[in-house]
Amino acid sequence: MQYKMVPYMLCIDQVWSECLVRRTVKFLILIFFELSSAVTLFLNES
């Protein structure tokens, strides 16, 4: 088990950082759209 985990941990390091960057970008874009739509709704109401 431990022996199998070592290469997994080594190779996941590069992939993980790439995945993390992509997820963060998607997350930020999502938040941006949510905020912009919320702001437009707020401005339309007031």
PDB file of N, CA and C in Angstrom:
ATOM      1  N   MET A   1       0.836  -1.204   0.000  1.00  0.00           N
ATOM      2  CA  MET A   1       0.000   0.000   0.000  1.00  0.00           C
ATOM      3  C   MET A   1       0.875   1.261   0.000  1.00  0.00           C
ATOM      4  N   GLN A   2       1.799   1.289   0.939  1.00  0.00           N
ATOM      5  CA  GLN A   2       2.675   2.454   1.048  1.00  0.00           C
ATOM      6  C   GLN A   2       3.542   2.603  -0.205  1.00  0.00           C
ATOM      7  N   TYR A   3       4.019   1.478  -0.703  1.00  0.00           N
ATOM      8  CA  TYR A   3       4.870   1.476  -1.887  1.00  0.00           C
ATOM      9  C   TYR A   3       4.124   2.023  -3.109  1.00  0.00           C
ATOM     10  N   LYS A   4       2.857   1.696  -3.221  1.00  0.00           N
ATOM     11  CA  LYS A   4       2.046   2.176  -4.343  1.00  0.00           C
ATOM     12  C   LYS A   4       1.738   3.673  -4.200  1.00  0.00           C
ATOM     13  N   MET A   5       1.661   4.139  -2.994  1.00  0.00           N
ATOM     14  CA  MET A   5       1.316   5.534  -2.742  1.00  0.00           C
ATOM     15  C   MET A   5       2.441   6.497  -3.094  1.00  0.00           C
ATOM     16  N   VAL A   6       3.694   6.012  -3.021  1.00  0.00           N
ATOM     17  CA  VAL A   6       4.838   6.905  -3.262  1.00  0.00           C
ATOM     18  C   VAL A   6       4.852   7.485  -4.684  1.00  0.00           C
ATOM     19  N   PRO A   7       4.830   6.671  -5.748  1.00  0.00           N
ATOM     20  CA  PRO A   7       4.793   7.254  -7.094  1.00  0.00           C
ATOM     21  C   PRO A   7       3.517   8.068  -7.330  1.00  0.00           C
ATOM     22  N   TYR A   8       2.446   7.626  -6.705  1.00  0.00           N
ATOM     23  CA  TYR A   8       1.179   8.342  -6.820  1.00  0.00           C
ATOM     24  C   TYR A   8       1.321   9.769  -6.280  1.00  0.00           C
ATOM     25  N   MET A   9       1.933   9.887  -5.115  1.00  0.00           N
ATOM     26  CA  MET A   9       2.140  11.194  -4.498  1.00  0.00           C
ATOM     27  C   MET A   9       3.100  12.045  -5.318  1.00  0.00           C
ATOM     28  N   LEU A  10       4.099  11.409  -5.904  1.00  0.00           N
ATOM     29  CA  LEU A  10       5.090  12.142  -6.693  1.00  0.00           C
ATOM     30  C   LEU A  10       4.488  12.701  -7.975  1.00  0.00           C
ATOM     31  N   CYS A  11       3.741  11.857  -8.688  1.00  0.00           N
ATOM     32  CA  CYS A  11       3.201  12.306  -9.968  1.00  0.00           C
ATOM     33  C   CYS A  11       1.976  13.198  -9.775  1.00  0.00           C
ATOM     34  N   ILE A  12       1.274  13.021  -8.668  1.00  0.00           N
ATOM     35  CA  ILE A  12       0.072  13.833  -8.440  1.00  0.00           C
ATOM     36  C   ILE A  12       0.439  15.298  -8.153  1.00  0.00           C
ATOM     37  N   ASP A  13       1.683  15.494  -7.719  1.00  0.00           N
ATOM     38  CA  ASP A  13       2.124  16.829  -7.347  1.00  0.00           C
ATOM     39  C   ASP A  13       1.979  17.830  -8.495  1.00  0.00           C
ATOM     40  N   GLN A  14       2.455  17.444  -9.679  1.00  0.00           N
ATOM     41  CA  GLN A  14       2.383  18.331 -10.843  1.00  0.00           C
ATOM     42  C   GLN A  14       0.947  18.471 -11.323  1.00  0.00           C
ATOM     43  N   VAL A  15       0.273  17.337 -11.432  1.00  0.00           N
ATOM     44  CA  VAL A  15      -1.104  17.325 -11.915  1.00  0.00           C
ATOM     45  C   VAL A  15      -2.008  18.104 -10.962  1.00  0.00           C
ATOM     46  N   TRP A  16      -1.760  17.926  -9.674  1.00  0.00           N
ATOM     47  CA  TRP A  16      -2.600  18.550  -8.656  1.00  0.00           C
ATOM     48  C   TRP A  16      -2.530  20.069  -8.718  1.00  0.00           C
ATOM     49  N   SER A  17      -1.314  20.604  -8.873  1.00  0.00           N
ATOM     50  CA  SER A  17      -1.157  22.055  -8.933  1.00  0.00           C
ATOM     51  C   SER A  17      -1.866  22.611 -10.169  1.00  0.00           C
ATOM     52  N   GLU A  18      -1.768  21.885 -11.276  1.00  0.00           N
ATOM     53  CA  GLU A  18      -2.429  22.300 -12.505  1.00  0.00           C
ATOM     54  C   GLU A  18      -3.944  22.278 -12.324  1.00  0.00           C
ATOM     55  N   CYS A  19      -4.416  21.202 -11.704  1.00  0.00           N
ATOM     56  CA  CYS A  19      -5.837  21.044 -11.444  1.00  0.00           C
ATOM     57  C   CYS A  19      -6.325  22.145 -10.508  1.00  0.00           C
ATOM     58  N   LEU A  20      -5.512  22.446  -9.507  1.00  0.00           N
ATOM     59  CA  LEU A  20      -5.866  23.469  -8.531  1.00  0.00           C
ATOM     60  C   LEU A  20      -6.001  24.832  -9.196  1.00  0.00           C
ATOM     61  N   VAL A  21      -5.068  25.139 -10.092  1.00  0.00           N
ATOM     62  CA  VAL A  21      -5.105  26.411 -10.816  1.00  0.00           C
ATOM     63  C   VAL A  21      -6.377  26.514 -11.651  1.00  0.00           C
ATOM     64  N   ARG A  22      -6.666  25.427 -12.366  1.00  0.00           N
ATOM     65  CA  ARG A  22      -7.877  25.433 -13.203  1.00  0.00           C
ATOM     66  C   ARG A  22      -9.135  25.598 -12.371  1.00  0.00           C
ATOM     67  N   ARG A  23      -9.182  24.874 -11.246  1.00  0.00           N
ATOM     68  CA  ARG A  23     -10.360  24.966 -10.379  1.00  0.00           C
ATOM     69  C   ARG A  23     -10.504  26.359  -9.790  1.00  0.00           C
ATOM     70  N   THR A  24      -9.364  26.956  -9.408  1.00  0.00           N
ATOM     71  CA  THR A  24      -9.398  28.299  -8.843  1.00  0.00           C
ATOM     72  C   THR A  24      -9.898  29.304  -9.868  1.00  0.00           C
ATOM     73  N   VAL A  25      -9.419  29.169 -11.109  1.00  0.00           N
ATOM     74  CA  VAL A  25      -9.854  30.059 -12.187  1.00  0.00           C
ATOM     75  C   VAL A  25     -11.354  29.903 -12.436  1.00  0.00           C
ATOM     76  N   LYS A  26     -11.818  28.661 -12.524  1.00  0.00           N
ATOM     77  CA  LYS A  26     -13.250  28.407 -12.727  1.00  0.00           C
ATOM     78  C   LYS A  26     -14.064  28.990 -11.580  1.00  0.00           C
ATOM     79  N   PHE A  27     -13.542  28.800 -10.359  1.00  0.00           N
ATOM     80  CA  PHE A  27     -14.213  29.287  -9.164  1.00  0.00           C
ATOM     81  C   PHE A  27     -14.314  30.806  -9.175  1.00  0.00           C
ATOM     82  N   LEU A  28     -13.210  31.478  -9.553  1.00  0.00           N
ATOM     83  CA  LEU A  28     -13.194  32.939  -9.604  1.00  0.00           C
ATOM     84  C   LEU A  28     -14.149  33.460 -10.666  1.00  0.00           C
ATOM     85  N   ILE A  29     -14.169  32.800 -11.819  1.00  0.00           N
ATOM     86  CA  ILE A  29     -15.082  33.198 -12.897  1.00  0.00           C
ATOM     87  C   ILE A  29     -16.525  33.040 -12.439  1.00  0.00           C
ATOM     88  N   LEU A  30     -16.790  31.934 -11.764  1.00  0.00           N
ATOM     89  CA  LEU A  30     -18.130  31.668 -11.256  1.00  0.00           C
ATOM     90  C   LEU A  30     -18.560  32.753 -10.272  1.00  0.00           C
ATOM     91  N   ILE A  31     -17.679  33.086  -9.333  1.00  0.00           N
ATOM     92  CA  ILE A  31     -17.962  34.125  -8.348  1.00  0.00           C
ATOM     93  C   ILE A  31     -18.184  35.465  -9.039  1.00  0.00           C
ATOM     94  N   PHE A  32     -17.349  35.758 -10.047  1.00  0.00           N
ATOM     95  CA  PHE A  32     -17.474  37.016 -10.782  1.00  0.00           C
ATOM     96  C   PHE A  32     -18.848  37.141 -11.421  1.00  0.00           C
ATOM     97  N   PHE A  33     -19.290  36.069 -12.089  1.00  0.00           N
ATOM     98  CA  PHE A  33     -20.607  36.090 -12.733  1.00  0.00           C
ATOM     99  C   PHE A  33     -21.726  36.193 -11.718  1.00  0.00           C
ATOM    100  N   GLU A  34     -21.576  35.474 -10.605  1.00  0.00           N
ATOM    101  CA  GLU A  34     -22.586  35.530  -9.548  1.00  0.00           C
ATOM    102  C   GLU A  34     -22.700  36.951  -8.994  1.00  0.00           C
ATOM    103  N   LEU A  35     -21.550  37.569  -8.747  1.00  0.00           N
ATOM    104  CA  LEU A  35     -21.541  38.926  -8.205  1.00  0.00           C
ATOM    105  C   LEU A  35     -22.120  39.922  -9.203  1.00  0.00           C
ATOM    106  N   SER A  36     -21.728  39.803 -10.463  1.00  0.00           N
ATOM    107  CA  SER A  36     -22.217  40.747 -11.472  1.00  0.00           C
ATOM    108  C   SER A  36     -23.725  40.623 -11.656  1.00  0.00           C
ATOM    109  N   SER A  37     -24.233  39.389 -11.641  1.00  0.00           N
ATOM    110  CA  SER A  37     -25.682  39.211 -11.780  1.00  0.00           C
ATOM    111  C   SER A  37     -26.408  39.729 -10.543  1.00  0.00           C
ATOM    112  N   ALA A  38     -25.801  39.530  -9.366  1.00  0.00           N
ATOM    113  CA  ALA A  38     -26.396  40.027  -8.132  1.00  0.00           C
ATOM    114  C   ALA A  38     -26.413  41.553  -8.119  1.00  0.00           C
ATOM    115  N   VAL A  39     -25.347  42.149  -8.616  1.00  0.00           N
ATOM    116  CA  VAL A  39     -25.258  43.611  -8.670  1.00  0.00           C
ATOM    117  C   VAL A  39     -26.294  44.177  -9.643  1.00  0.00           C
ATOM    118  N   THR A  40     -26.449  43.556 -10.789  1.00  0.00           N
ATOM    119  CA  THR A  40     -27.431  44.042 -11.767  1.00  0.00           C
ATOM    120  C   THR A  40     -28.848  43.907 -11.213  1.00  0.00           C
ATOM    121  N   LEU A  41     -29.120  42.813 -10.503  1.00  0.00           N
ATOM    122  CA  LEU A  41     -30.426  42.641  -9.873  1.00  0.00           C
ATOM    123  C   LEU A  41     -30.664  43.724  -8.838  1.00  0.00           C
ATOM    124  N   PHE A  42     -29.629  43.986  -8.038  1.00  0.00           N
ATOM    125  CA  PHE A  42     -29.723  44.994  -6.989  1.00  0.00           C
ATOM    126  C   PHE A  42     -29.956  46.380  -7.579  1.00  0.00           C
ATOM    127  N   LEU A  43     -29.257  46.686  -8.670  1.00  0.00           N
ATOM    128  CA  LEU A  43     -29.404  47.992  -9.312  1.00  0.00           C
ATOM    129  C   LEU A  43     -30.773  48.120  -9.971  1.00  0.00           C
ATOM    130  N   ASN A  44     -31.276  47.052 -10.530  1.00  0.00           N
ATOM    131  CA  ASN A  44     -32.585  47.093 -11.177  1.00  0.00           C
ATOM    132  C   ASN A  44     -33.703  47.308 -10.163  1.00  0.00           C
ATOM    133  N   GLU A  45     -33.546  46.725  -8.983  1.00  0.00           N
ATOM    134  CA  GLU A  45     -34.577  46.846  -7.953  1.00  0.00           C
ATOM    135  C   GLU A  45     -34.621  48.240  -7.343  1.00  0.00           C
ATOM    136  N   SER A  46     -33.446  48.832  -7.162  1.00  0.00           N
ATOM    137  CA  SER A  46     -33.387  50.157  -6.518  1.00  0.00           C
ATOM    138  C   SER A  46     -33.370  51.303  -7.521  1.00  0.00           C
TER     139      SER A  46
END
